[in-house]
Amino acid sequence: MTVSAAHIFAIAPTAKRYYVDQIVTYWPMFAAQYGIRSKDTPYVLAQCAAETGAFNRLEESLYYTTIARIRAVWPSRFKSDAAAAPYIRQPEKLANHVYGGRYGNSGPNDGWLFRGSGLKQTTFRANYQAVAVATGAPVVDRPDMLRAFPLALESAMVYWRDKGLSKIVDAGGDIVAKLTKAIQGGTGGLADRRTFTARALKAFGTPVAEAAPLPETALLRHGARGDRVTALQARLKSLGYVEIGNVDGIFGDATERALKQFQTRYGLIADGVAGPNTFKALEIAAPTDYHEPRPVKQSGMEKFFAWLVGLFNPR
């Protein structure tokens, strides 16, 4: 199955553009290599979205500022407030405590070195070793490799294949809950995983152009896409901002430049983000308010003098 940027943004509209581009680039090769089928694809991406904060981080955040949160995440590890207190704002110390001494972690700093990383948030030395065996990459000696592409994606596919997660998809029933339990050992964040999965199934079950509608109240900024971006581009172009180029529903550099020009002309904050004030101004703007500068016609004599000046003042 082809995975496009539109598919991923439909699942996670706030995803980092660089991550999206890397996933799209490497998906075909790794999917073929590790047996990720078309029917698996929405579930793989949805679980990865949940693990990475909607495709916004490639390593586990272990920086906690409250005792309550630490105990909520690791209830079996911290039976009292006093037990959790020493680990507030101590990510390395916390990682070594909660991950140390199991699944291959034997060194004093293994919990931190082999913390959750990549799109699947691969954790523990044993699972890093499995990635090393599958890929040939020295990730045990260099754990940071999993916190960057392409191994951030490849490691997730290695895990999916090695754990036989396609069987869960084939079995049906409550696939999301079963996958979550198999991946996480529990049902943490199950509501978010259901949301991401619903979006993924919708995205891959509808035309790409319809896969990522933005809510009417959402801001439009660089990286946005969909029908509302198309309408914004068409409106700017009708007002004379023809340098915007194609009306393609993708909010890129040209759209941002044109929007900033419009905002400047109407006394708005020229931040290239379309919000309520910008939309209101777009509604009342007259089509003749802005036009692309046209070259000024010169008479024959003016052209002669311009040539003469250039002859004696070469640049």
C-alpha atoms as a PDB file:
ATOM      1  CA  MET A   1       0.000   0.000   0.000  1.00  0.00           C
ATOM      2  CA  THR A   2       1.231   3.491  -0.850  1.00  0.00           C
ATOM      3  CA  VAL A   3       1.615   5.804   2.137  1.00  0.00           C
ATOM      4  CA  SER A   4       1.480   9.519   1.387  1.00  0.00           C
ATOM      5  CA  ALA A   5       2.016  12.633   3.461  1.00  0.00           C
ATOM      6  CA  ALA A   6      -1.723  13.272   3.220  1.00  0.00           C
ATOM      7  CA  HIS A   7      -2.423   9.909   4.849  1.00  0.00           C
ATOM      8  CA  ILE A   8      -0.117  10.644   7.768  1.00  0.00           C
ATOM      9  CA  PHE A   9      -1.427  14.165   8.308  1.00  0.00           C
ATOM     10  CA  ALA A  10      -4.937  12.730   8.312  1.00  0.00           C
ATOM     11  CA  ILE A  11      -3.890  10.534  11.228  1.00  0.00           C
ATOM     12  CA  ALA A  12      -1.845  13.190  13.022  1.00  0.00           C
ATOM     13  CA  PRO A  13      -2.395  16.737  11.687  1.00  0.00           C
ATOM     14  CA  THR A  14       0.340  18.174  13.939  1.00  0.00           C
ATOM     15  CA  ALA A  15       3.035  15.693  12.867  1.00  0.00           C
ATOM     16  CA  LYS A  16       6.505  17.085  12.203  1.00  0.00           C
ATOM     17  CA  ARG A  17       6.937  17.547   8.486  1.00  0.00           C
ATOM     18  CA  TYR A  18      10.439  16.047   8.491  1.00  0.00           C
ATOM     19  CA  TYR A  19       9.176  12.882  10.167  1.00  0.00           C
ATOM     20  CA  VAL A  20       6.342  12.610   7.670  1.00  0.00           C
ATOM     21  CA  ASP A  21       8.690  12.966   4.713  1.00  0.00           C
ATOM     22  CA  GLN A  22      11.024  10.306   6.093  1.00  0.00           C
ATOM     23  CA  ILE A  23       8.196   7.850   6.683  1.00  0.00           C
ATOM     24  CA  VAL A  24       6.859   8.360   3.161  1.00  0.00           C
ATOM     25  CA  THR A  25      10.346   7.923   1.689  1.00  0.00           C
ATOM     26  CA  TYR A  26      11.281   4.708   3.468  1.00  0.00           C
ATOM     27  CA  TRP A  27       7.881   3.046   3.859  1.00  0.00           C
ATOM     28  CA  PRO A  28       7.772   1.118   0.536  1.00  0.00           C
ATOM     29  CA  MET A  29      11.204  -0.457   1.009  1.00  0.00           C
ATOM     30  CA  PHE A  30      10.768  -1.433   4.666  1.00  0.00           C
ATOM     31  CA  ALA A  31       7.159  -2.560   4.274  1.00  0.00           C
ATOM     32  CA  ALA A  32       8.208  -4.984   1.555  1.00  0.00           C
ATOM     33  CA  GLN A  33      11.230  -6.143   3.538  1.00  0.00           C
ATOM     34  CA  TYR A  34       9.342  -6.845   6.767  1.00  0.00           C
ATOM     35  CA  GLY A  35       6.024  -8.033   5.372  1.00  0.00           C
ATOM     36  CA  ILE A  36       3.822  -5.077   6.333  1.00  0.00           C
ATOM     37  CA  ARG A  37       0.657  -5.716   4.356  1.00  0.00           C
ATOM     38  CA  SER A  38      -1.897  -3.220   3.110  1.00  0.00           C
ATOM     39  CA  LYS A  39      -4.359  -4.311   5.795  1.00  0.00           C
ATOM     40  CA  ASP A  40      -1.670  -3.829   8.474  1.00  0.00           C
ATOM     41  CA  THR A  41      -0.671  -0.335   7.383  1.00  0.00           C
ATOM     42  CA  PRO A  42      -3.383   1.741   9.135  1.00  0.00           C
ATOM     43  CA  TYR A  43      -2.801  -0.141  12.398  1.00  0.00           C
ATOM     44  CA  VAL A  44       0.984   0.206  12.228  1.00  0.00           C
ATOM     45  CA  LEU A  45       0.786   3.946  11.633  1.00  0.00           C
ATOM     46  CA  ALA A  46      -1.878   4.468  14.293  1.00  0.00           C
ATOM     47  CA  GLN A  47       0.132   2.658  16.949  1.00  0.00           C
ATOM     48  CA  CYS A  48       3.265   4.577  15.941  1.00  0.00           C
ATOM     49  CA  ALA A  49       1.347   7.848  16.172  1.00  0.00           C
ATOM     50  CA  ALA A  50       0.301   6.968  19.710  1.00  0.00           C
ATOM     51  CA  GLU A  51       3.838   6.012  20.709  1.00  0.00           C
ATOM     52  CA  THR A  52       5.405   9.200  19.355  1.00  0.00           C
ATOM     53  CA  GLY A  53       3.009  11.907  20.467  1.00  0.00           C
ATOM     54  CA  ALA A  54       1.406  12.129  17.011  1.00  0.00           C
ATOM     55  CA  PHE A  55       4.754  11.822  15.205  1.00  0.00           C
ATOM     56  CA  ASN A  56       6.450  14.562  17.202  1.00  0.00           C
ATOM     57  CA  ARG A  57       9.190  12.733  19.118  1.00  0.00           C
ATOM     58  CA  LEU A  58      11.514   9.808  18.538  1.00  0.00           C
ATOM     59  CA  GLU A  59      12.531   9.110  22.115  1.00  0.00           C
ATOM     60  CA  GLU A  60      10.681   8.589  25.350  1.00  0.00           C
ATOM     61  CA  SER A  61      10.334  11.590  27.605  1.00  0.00           C
ATOM     62  CA  LEU A  62      11.212  10.574  31.145  1.00  0.00           C
ATOM     63  CA  TYR A  63      11.154  14.091  32.550  1.00  0.00           C
ATOM     64  CA  TYR A  64       8.320  14.135  35.086  1.00  0.00           C
ATOM     65  CA  THR A  65       7.472  17.086  37.289  1.00  0.00           C
ATOM     66  CA  THR A  66       4.956  15.524  39.677  1.00  0.00           C
ATOM     67  CA  ILE A  67       4.871  12.507  41.942  1.00  0.00           C
ATOM     68  CA  ALA A  68       1.326  11.760  40.866  1.00  0.00           C
ATOM     69  CA  ARG A  69       2.295  11.363  37.231  1.00  0.00           C
ATOM     70  CA  ILE A  70       5.221   9.078  37.986  1.00  0.00           C
ATOM     71  CA  ARG A  71       3.006   6.833  40.093  1.00  0.00           C
ATOM     72  CA  ALA A  72       0.280   6.826  37.445  1.00  0.00           C
ATOM     73  CA  VAL A  73       2.692   5.635  34.751  1.00  0.00           C
ATOM     74  CA  TRP A  74       4.478   3.034  36.913  1.00  0.00           C
ATOM     75  CA  PRO A  75       2.052   2.074  39.691  1.00  0.00           C
ATOM     76  CA  SER A  76       3.790  -1.217  40.419  1.00  0.00           C
ATOM     77  CA  ARG A  77       7.191   0.432  40.707  1.00  0.00           C
ATOM     78  CA  PHE A  78       6.187   3.233  43.041  1.00  0.00           C
ATOM     79  CA  LYS A  79       3.947   2.180  45.897  1.00  0.00           C
ATOM     80  CA  SER A  80       4.175   5.511  47.739  1.00  0.00           C
ATOM     81  CA  ASP A  81       4.833   9.204  47.188  1.00  0.00           C
ATOM     82  CA  ALA A  82       8.082   8.863  49.087  1.00  0.00           C
ATOM     83  CA  ALA A  83       9.302   6.206  46.666  1.00  0.00           C
ATOM     84  CA  ALA A  84       8.581   8.410  43.637  1.00  0.00           C
ATOM     85  CA  ALA A  85       9.858  11.715  45.012  1.00  0.00           C
ATOM     86  CA  PRO A  86      13.589  11.182  44.218  1.00  0.00           C
ATOM     87  CA  TYR A  87      12.812  10.783  40.512  1.00  0.00           C
ATOM     88  CA  ILE A  88      11.088  14.108  39.856  1.00  0.00           C
ATOM     89  CA  ARG A  89      12.984  15.942  37.068  1.00  0.00           C
ATOM     90  CA  GLN A  90      15.540  13.124  36.972  1.00  0.00           C
ATOM     91  CA  PRO A  91      14.971  11.394  33.601  1.00  0.00           C
ATOM     92  CA  GLU A  92      18.184   9.369  33.519  1.00  0.00           C
ATOM     93  CA  LYS A  93      17.817   8.218  37.104  1.00  0.00           C
ATOM     94  CA  LEU A  94      14.180   7.304  36.492  1.00  0.00           C
ATOM     95  CA  ALA A  95      14.975   5.316  33.342  1.00  0.00           C
ATOM     96  CA  ASN A  96      17.624   3.285  35.109  1.00  0.00           C
ATOM     97  CA  HIS A  97      15.246   2.561  37.967  1.00  0.00           C
ATOM     98  CA  VAL A  98      12.182   1.498  35.980  1.00  0.00           C
ATOM     99  CA  TYR A  99      13.992  -0.283  33.135  1.00  0.00           C
ATOM    100  CA  GLY A 100      17.085  -1.615  34.876  1.00  0.00           C
ATOM    101  CA  GLY A 101      17.758  -5.289  35.439  1.00  0.00           C
ATOM    102  CA  ARG A 102      15.334  -6.785  32.931  1.00  0.00           C
ATOM    103  CA  TYR A 103      15.037  -7.752  29.250  1.00  0.00           C
ATOM    104  CA  GLY A 104      18.771  -7.689  28.767  1.00  0.00           C
ATOM    105  CA  ASN A 105      19.457  -4.487  30.683  1.00  0.00           C
ATOM    106  CA  SER A 106      22.345  -5.334  32.987  1.00  0.00           C
ATOM    107  CA  GLY A 107      24.646  -2.304  32.991  1.00  0.00           C
ATOM    108  CA  PRO A 108      24.111   0.520  35.513  1.00  0.00           C
ATOM    109  CA  ASN A 109      23.053   2.928  32.738  1.00  0.00           C
ATOM    110  CA  ASP A 110      21.251   0.504  30.420  1.00  0.00           C
ATOM    111  CA  GLY A 111      17.799   1.770  31.375  1.00  0.00           C
ATOM    112  CA  TRP A 112      18.711   5.194  30.042  1.00  0.00           C
ATOM    113  CA  LEU A 113      20.715   4.024  27.022  1.00  0.00           C
ATOM    114  CA  PHE A 114      17.968   1.670  25.890  1.00  0.00           C
ATOM    115  CA  ARG A 115      14.979   3.866  26.707  1.00  0.00           C
ATOM    116  CA  GLY A 116      12.005   4.004  24.355  1.00  0.00           C
ATOM    117  CA  SER A 117      13.165   5.102  20.909  1.00  0.00           C
ATOM    118  CA  GLY A 118      11.968   5.183  17.319  1.00  0.00           C
ATOM    119  CA  LEU A 119       8.414   5.112  16.004  1.00  0.00           C
ATOM    120  CA  LYS A 120       7.589   2.046  18.077  1.00  0.00           C
ATOM    121  CA  GLN A 121       9.480   3.360  21.151  1.00  0.00           C
ATOM    122  CA  THR A 122      11.644   0.239  21.235  1.00  0.00           C
ATOM    123  CA  THR A 123      12.841  -0.290  24.823  1.00  0.00           C
ATOM    124  CA  PHE A 124      15.435  -2.557  26.534  1.00  0.00           C
ATOM    125  CA  ARG A 125      18.726  -3.953  25.332  1.00  0.00           C
ATOM    126  CA  ALA A 126      17.112  -7.222  24.195  1.00  0.00           C
ATOM    127  CA  ASN A 127      14.815  -5.413  21.778  1.00  0.00           C
ATOM    128  CA  TYR A 128      17.669  -3.224  20.514  1.00  0.00           C
ATOM    129  CA  GLN A 129      19.612  -6.438  19.928  1.00  0.00           C
ATOM    130  CA  ALA A 130      16.708  -7.801  17.883  1.00  0.00           C
ATOM    131  CA  VAL A 131      16.876  -4.685  15.698  1.00  0.00           C
ATOM    132  CA  ALA A 132      20.633  -5.172  15.323  1.00  0.00           C
ATOM    133  CA  VAL A 133      20.140  -8.778  14.214  1.00  0.00           C
ATOM    134  CA  ALA A 134      17.426  -7.848  11.712  1.00  0.00           C
ATOM    135  CA  THR A 135      19.125  -4.802  10.215  1.00  0.00           C
ATOM    136  CA  GLY A 136      22.840  -5.309  10.772  1.00  0.00           C
ATOM    137  CA  ALA A 137      23.020  -1.836  12.318  1.00  0.00           C
ATOM    138  CA  PRO A 138      25.170  -1.530  15.488  1.00  0.00           C
ATOM    139  CA  VAL A 139      22.328  -0.122  17.582  1.00  0.00           C
ATOM    140  CA  VAL A 140      23.432  -1.835  20.782  1.00  0.00           C
ATOM    141  CA  ASP A 141      26.756  -0.010  20.645  1.00  0.00           C
ATOM    142  CA  ARG A 142      25.123   3.136  19.283  1.00  0.00           C
ATOM    143  CA  PRO A 143      21.584   3.362  20.734  1.00  0.00           C
ATOM    144  CA  ASP A 144      21.090   6.884  19.383  1.00  0.00           C
ATOM    145  CA  MET A 145      20.755   5.382  15.910  1.00  0.00           C
ATOM    146  CA  LEU A 146      17.225   4.324  16.840  1.00  0.00           C
ATOM    147  CA  ARG A 147      16.367   7.922  17.665  1.00  0.00           C
ATOM    148  CA  ALA A 148      16.830   9.015  14.042  1.00  0.00           C
ATOM    149  CA  PHE A 149      15.638   7.935  10.614  1.00  0.00           C
ATOM    150  CA  PRO A 150      15.702   5.549   8.859  1.00  0.00           C
ATOM    151  CA  LEU A 151      16.102   3.180  11.829  1.00  0.00           C
ATOM    152  CA  ALA A 152      13.327   4.950  13.731  1.00  0.00           C
ATOM    153  CA  LEU A 153      10.911   3.502  11.161  1.00  0.00           C
ATOM    154  CA  GLU A 154      12.723   0.254  10.406  1.00  0.00           C
ATOM    155  CA  SER A 155      12.848  -0.724  14.088  1.00  0.00           C
ATOM    156  CA  ALA A 156       9.061  -0.381  14.327  1.00  0.00           C
ATOM    157  CA  MET A 157       8.619  -2.741  11.389  1.00  0.00           C
ATOM    158  CA  VAL A 158      11.103  -5.207  12.849  1.00  0.00           C
ATOM    159  CA  TYR A 159       9.046  -5.279  16.040  1.00  0.00           C
ATOM    160  CA  TRP A 160       5.776  -5.751  14.132  1.00  0.00           C
ATOM    161  CA  ARG A 161       7.209  -8.719  12.212  1.00  0.00           C
ATOM    162  CA  ASP A 162       9.042 -10.337  15.121  1.00  0.00           C
ATOM    163  CA  LYS A 163       6.015 -10.141  17.428  1.00  0.00           C
ATOM    164  CA  GLY A 164       3.687 -11.502  14.738  1.00  0.00           C
ATOM    165  CA  LEU A 165       1.274  -8.588  15.096  1.00  0.00           C
ATOM    166  CA  SER A 166      -0.308  -9.241  11.696  1.00  0.00           C
ATOM    167  CA  LYS A 167      -2.005 -12.251  13.300  1.00  0.00           C
ATOM    168  CA  ILE A 168      -3.892  -9.901  15.612  1.00  0.00           C
ATOM    169  CA  VAL A 169      -5.157  -7.931  12.617  1.00  0.00           C
ATOM    170  CA  ASP A 170      -6.277 -11.166  10.942  1.00  0.00           C
ATOM    171  CA  ALA A 171      -8.031 -12.384  14.079  1.00  0.00           C
ATOM    172  CA  GLY A 172     -10.357  -9.381  14.175  1.00  0.00           C
ATOM    173  CA  GLY A 173     -12.396  -8.436  17.215  1.00  0.00           C
ATOM    174  CA  ASP A 174     -11.085  -5.506  19.217  1.00  0.00           C
ATOM    175  CA  ILE A 175      -7.896  -5.198  17.199  1.00  0.00           C
ATOM    176  CA  VAL A 176      -6.806  -1.909  18.773  1.00  0.00           C
ATOM    177  CA  ALA A 177      -7.034  -3.188  22.343  1.00  0.00           C
ATOM    178  CA  LYS A 178      -5.259  -6.425  21.423  1.00  0.00           C
ATOM    179  CA  LEU A 179      -2.435  -4.606  19.623  1.00  0.00           C
ATOM    180  CA  THR A 180      -2.043  -2.147  22.473  1.00  0.00           C
ATOM    181  CA  LYS A 181      -1.749  -4.936  25.018  1.00  0.00           C
ATOM    182  CA  ALA A 182       0.725  -6.847  22.848  1.00  0.00           C
ATOM    183  CA  ILE A 183       2.889  -3.777  22.308  1.00  0.00           C
ATOM    184  CA  GLN A 184       2.616  -2.131  25.689  1.00  0.00           C
ATOM    185  CA  GLY A 185       1.768  -4.929  28.050  1.00  0.00           C
ATOM    186  CA  GLY A 186      -1.393  -3.105  29.113  1.00  0.00           C
ATOM    187  CA  THR A 187      -3.974  -0.684  27.790  1.00  0.00           C
ATOM    188  CA  GLY A 188      -2.309   2.646  28.513  1.00  0.00           C
ATOM    189  CA  GLY A 189      -3.456   5.403  26.188  1.00  0.00           C
ATOM    190  CA  LEU A 190      -6.066   3.144  24.632  1.00  0.00           C
ATOM    191  CA  ALA A 191      -8.471   6.024  23.917  1.00  0.00           C
ATOM    192  CA  ASP A 192      -5.818   7.870  21.894  1.00  0.00           C
ATOM    193  CA  ARG A 193      -4.916   4.695  20.036  1.00  0.00           C
ATOM    194  CA  ARG A 194      -8.563   4.191  19.096  1.00  0.00           C
ATOM    195  CA  THR A 195      -8.712   7.776  17.800  1.00  0.00           C
ATOM    196  CA  PHE A 196      -5.568   7.404  15.705  1.00  0.00           C
ATOM    197  CA  THR A 197      -6.774   4.061  14.339  1.00  0.00           C
ATOM    198  CA  ALA A 198     -10.173   5.466  13.360  1.00  0.00           C
ATOM    199  CA  ARG A 199      -8.444   8.279  11.503  1.00  0.00           C
ATOM    200  CA  ALA A 200      -6.060   5.872   9.797  1.00  0.00           C
ATOM    201  CA  LEU A 201      -8.810   3.534   8.627  1.00  0.00           C
ATOM    202  CA  LYS A 202     -10.766   6.489   7.280  1.00  0.00           C
ATOM    203  CA  ALA A 203      -7.705   7.946   5.545  1.00  0.00           C
ATOM    204  CA  PHE A 204      -6.869   4.729   3.741  1.00  0.00           C
ATOM    205  CA  GLY A 205     -10.495   4.038   2.934  1.00  0.00           C
ATOM    206  CA  THR A 206     -11.187   7.366   1.217  1.00  0.00           C
ATOM    207  CA  PRO A 207      -9.484   9.340  -1.569  1.00  0.00           C
ATOM    208  CA  VAL A 208      -6.337  11.092  -0.400  1.00  0.00           C
ATOM    209  CA  ALA A 209      -7.813  14.524  -1.124  1.00  0.00           C
ATOM    210  CA  GLU A 210     -10.574  13.818   1.381  1.00  0.00           C
ATOM    211  CA  ALA A 211      -8.363  12.225   3.998  1.00  0.00           C
ATOM    212  CA  ALA A 212      -7.292  15.228   6.026  1.00  0.00           C
ATOM    213  CA  PRO A 213     -10.097  17.767   6.486  1.00  0.00           C
ATOM    214  CA  LEU A 214      -9.276  20.424   9.039  1.00  0.00           C
ATOM    215  CA  PRO A 215     -11.904  21.563  11.523  1.00  0.00           C
ATOM    216  CA  GLU A 216     -13.492  24.892  10.714  1.00  0.00           C
ATOM    217  CA  THR A 217     -11.982  26.417  13.834  1.00  0.00           C
ATOM    218  CA  ALA A 218      -8.426  25.302  13.037  1.00  0.00           C
ATOM    219  CA  LEU A 219      -5.713  27.739  12.053  1.00  0.00           C
ATOM    220  CA  LEU A 220      -4.137  27.266   8.663  1.00  0.00           C
ATOM    221  CA  ARG A 221      -0.367  27.417   8.625  1.00  0.00           C
ATOM    222  CA  HIS A 222       2.633  26.066   6.728  1.00  0.00           C
ATOM    223  CA  GLY A 223       2.246  22.312   6.270  1.00  0.00           C
ATOM    224  CA  ALA A 224      -1.566  22.297   6.361  1.00  0.00           C
ATOM    225  CA  ARG A 225      -3.442  20.694   3.501  1.00  0.00           C
ATOM    226  CA  GLY A 226      -6.941  20.016   2.319  1.00  0.00           C
ATOM    227  CA  ASP A 227     -10.031  21.789   1.014  1.00  0.00           C
ATOM    228  CA  ARG A 228      -9.696  24.809   3.306  1.00  0.00           C
ATOM    229  CA  VAL A 229      -6.156  25.411   2.063  1.00  0.00           C
ATOM    230  CA  THR A 230      -7.436  25.167  -1.506  1.00  0.00           C
ATOM    231  CA  ALA A 231     -10.094  27.779  -0.724  1.00  0.00           C
ATOM    232  CA  LEU A 232      -7.506  30.053   0.908  1.00  0.00           C
ATOM    233  CA  GLN A 233      -5.190  29.793  -2.090  1.00  0.00           C
ATOM    234  CA  ALA A 234      -8.022  30.446  -4.545  1.00  0.00           C
ATOM    235  CA  ARG A 235      -9.123  33.520  -2.581  1.00  0.00           C
ATOM    236  CA  LEU A 236      -5.610  34.962  -2.466  1.00  0.00           C
ATOM    237  CA  LYS A 237      -5.171  34.335  -6.175  1.00  0.00           C
ATOM    238  CA  SER A 238      -8.493  36.015  -6.976  1.00  0.00           C
ATOM    239  CA  LEU A 239      -7.261  39.064  -5.066  1.00  0.00           C
ATOM    240  CA  GLY A 240      -4.268  39.312  -7.357  1.00  0.00           C
ATOM    241  CA  TYR A 241      -1.640  37.380  -5.437  1.00  0.00           C
ATOM    242  CA  VAL A 242      -0.862  35.343  -8.523  1.00  0.00           C
ATOM    243  CA  GLU A 243       2.662  34.501  -7.370  1.00  0.00           C
ATOM    244  CA  ILE A 244       1.011  31.929  -5.086  1.00  0.00           C
ATOM    245  CA  GLY A 245       1.302  29.497  -7.992  1.00  0.00           C
ATOM    246  CA  ASN A 246      -0.844  26.378  -8.188  1.00  0.00           C
ATOM    247  CA  VAL A 247      -4.028  26.048  -6.163  1.00  0.00           C
ATOM    248  CA  ASP A 248      -3.141  22.576  -4.906  1.00  0.00           C
ATOM    249  CA  GLY A 249      -4.406  22.438  -1.327  1.00  0.00           C
ATOM    250  CA  ILE A 250      -0.884  22.324   0.118  1.00  0.00           C
ATOM    251  CA  PHE A 251       0.173  25.224   2.329  1.00  0.00           C
ATOM    252  CA  GLY A 252       3.786  25.701   1.266  1.00  0.00           C
ATOM    253  CA  ASP A 253       6.292  28.526   0.977  1.00  0.00           C
ATOM    254  CA  ALA A 254       4.465  30.390  -1.814  1.00  0.00           C
ATOM    255  CA  THR A 255       1.166  30.327   0.061  1.00  0.00           C
ATOM    256  CA  GLU A 256       2.867  31.574   3.213  1.00  0.00           C
ATOM    257  CA  ARG A 257       4.553  34.457   1.339  1.00  0.00           C
ATOM    258  CA  ALA A 258       1.304  35.520  -0.321  1.00  0.00           C
ATOM    259  CA  LEU A 259      -0.557  35.360   2.971  1.00  0.00           C
ATOM    260  CA  LYS A 260       2.085  37.484   4.711  1.00  0.00           C
ATOM    261  CA  GLN A 261       1.785  40.099   1.941  1.00  0.00           C
ATOM    262  CA  PHE A 262      -1.965  40.166   2.368  1.00  0.00           C
ATOM    263  CA  GLN A 263      -1.677  40.433   6.162  1.00  0.00           C
ATOM    264  CA  THR A 264       0.804  43.297   5.877  1.00  0.00           C
ATOM    265  CA  ARG A 265      -1.476  45.192   3.520  1.00  0.00           C
ATOM    266  CA  TYR A 266      -4.417  44.842   5.917  1.00  0.00           C
ATOM    267  CA  GLY A 267      -2.494  45.779   9.046  1.00  0.00           C
ATOM    268  CA  LEU A 268      -2.564  42.291  10.507  1.00  0.00           C
ATOM    269  CA  ILE A 269       0.293  40.465  12.198  1.00  0.00           C
ATOM    270  CA  ALA A 270       2.229  39.151   9.211  1.00  0.00           C
ATOM    271  CA  ASP A 271       2.956  35.708  10.624  1.00  0.00           C
ATOM    272  CA  GLY A 272       1.761  33.661   7.658  1.00  0.00           C
ATOM    273  CA  VAL A 273      -0.901  31.950   9.786  1.00  0.00           C
ATOM    274  CA  ALA A 274      -4.546  32.253   8.779  1.00  0.00           C
ATOM    275  CA  GLY A 275      -6.729  32.739  11.839  1.00  0.00           C
ATOM    276  CA  PRO A 276     -10.091  34.433  12.537  1.00  0.00           C
ATOM    277  CA  ASN A 277      -8.874  37.982  11.820  1.00  0.00           C
ATOM    278  CA  THR A 278      -7.219  36.967   8.573  1.00  0.00           C
ATOM    279  CA  PHE A 279     -10.290  35.053   7.387  1.00  0.00           C
ATOM    280  CA  LYS A 280     -12.465  38.053   8.181  1.00  0.00           C
ATOM    281  CA  ALA A 281     -10.182  40.347   6.190  1.00  0.00           C
ATOM    282  CA  LEU A 282     -10.183  37.894   3.284  1.00  0.00           C
ATOM    283  CA  GLU A 283     -13.984  37.959   3.220  1.00  0.00           C
ATOM    284  CA  ILE A 284     -14.196  41.751   2.846  1.00  0.00           C
ATOM    285  CA  ALA A 285     -11.124  42.315   0.665  1.00  0.00           C
ATOM    286  CA  ALA A 286     -11.749  43.685  -2.800  1.00  0.00           C
ATOM    287  CA  PRO A 287     -10.244  41.858  -5.773  1.00  0.00           C
ATOM    288  CA  THR A 288      -8.481  45.049  -6.879  1.00  0.00           C
ATOM    289  CA  ASP A 289      -6.679  45.565  -3.566  1.00  0.00           C
ATOM    290  CA  TYR A 290      -3.491  43.942  -4.798  1.00  0.00           C
ATOM    291  CA  HIS A 291      -2.003  43.181  -8.149  1.00  0.00           C
ATOM    292  CA  GLU A 292       1.275  41.665  -9.143  1.00  0.00           C
ATOM    293  CA  PRO A 293       3.612  44.453 -10.277  1.00  0.00           C
ATOM    294  CA  ARG A 294       3.734  44.796 -14.035  1.00  0.00           C
ATOM    295  CA  PRO A 295       6.771  46.058 -15.965  1.00  0.00           C
ATOM    296  CA  VAL A 296       6.571  49.736 -16.924  1.00  0.00           C
ATOM    297  CA  LYS A 297       6.593  50.346 -20.669  1.00  0.00           C
ATOM    298  CA  GLN A 298       9.402  52.589 -21.950  1.00  0.00           C
ATOM    299  CA  SER A 299       9.422  54.824 -24.983  1.00  0.00           C
ATOM    300  CA  GLY A 300      12.075  54.403 -27.663  1.00  0.00           C
ATOM    301  CA  MET A 301      13.985  57.446 -26.397  1.00  0.00           C
ATOM    302  CA  GLU A 302      13.874  56.163 -22.793  1.00  0.00           C
ATOM    303  CA  LYS A 303      15.230  52.814 -23.930  1.00  0.00           C
ATOM    304  CA  PHE A 304      18.074  54.594 -25.783  1.00  0.00           C
ATOM    305  CA  PHE A 305      19.079  56.637 -22.750  1.00  0.00           C
ATOM    306  CA  ALA A 306      18.874  53.545 -20.542  1.00  0.00           C
ATOM    307  CA  TRP A 307      21.212  51.753 -22.965  1.00  0.00           C
ATOM    308  CA  LEU A 308      23.579  54.721 -23.008  1.00  0.00           C
ATOM    309  CA  VAL A 309      23.715  54.895 -19.211  1.00  0.00           C
ATOM    310  CA  GLY A 310      24.373  51.172 -19.010  1.00  0.00           C
ATOM    311  CA  LEU A 311      27.170  51.475 -21.570  1.00  0.00           C
ATOM    312  CA  PHE A 312      29.133  53.924 -19.415  1.00  0.00           C
ATOM    313  CA  ASN A 313      28.113  52.446 -16.057  1.00  0.00           C
ATOM    314  CA  PRO A 314      28.460  48.689 -16.431  1.00  0.00           C
ATOM    315  CA  ARG A 315      27.448  46.566 -13.491  1.00  0.00           C
END
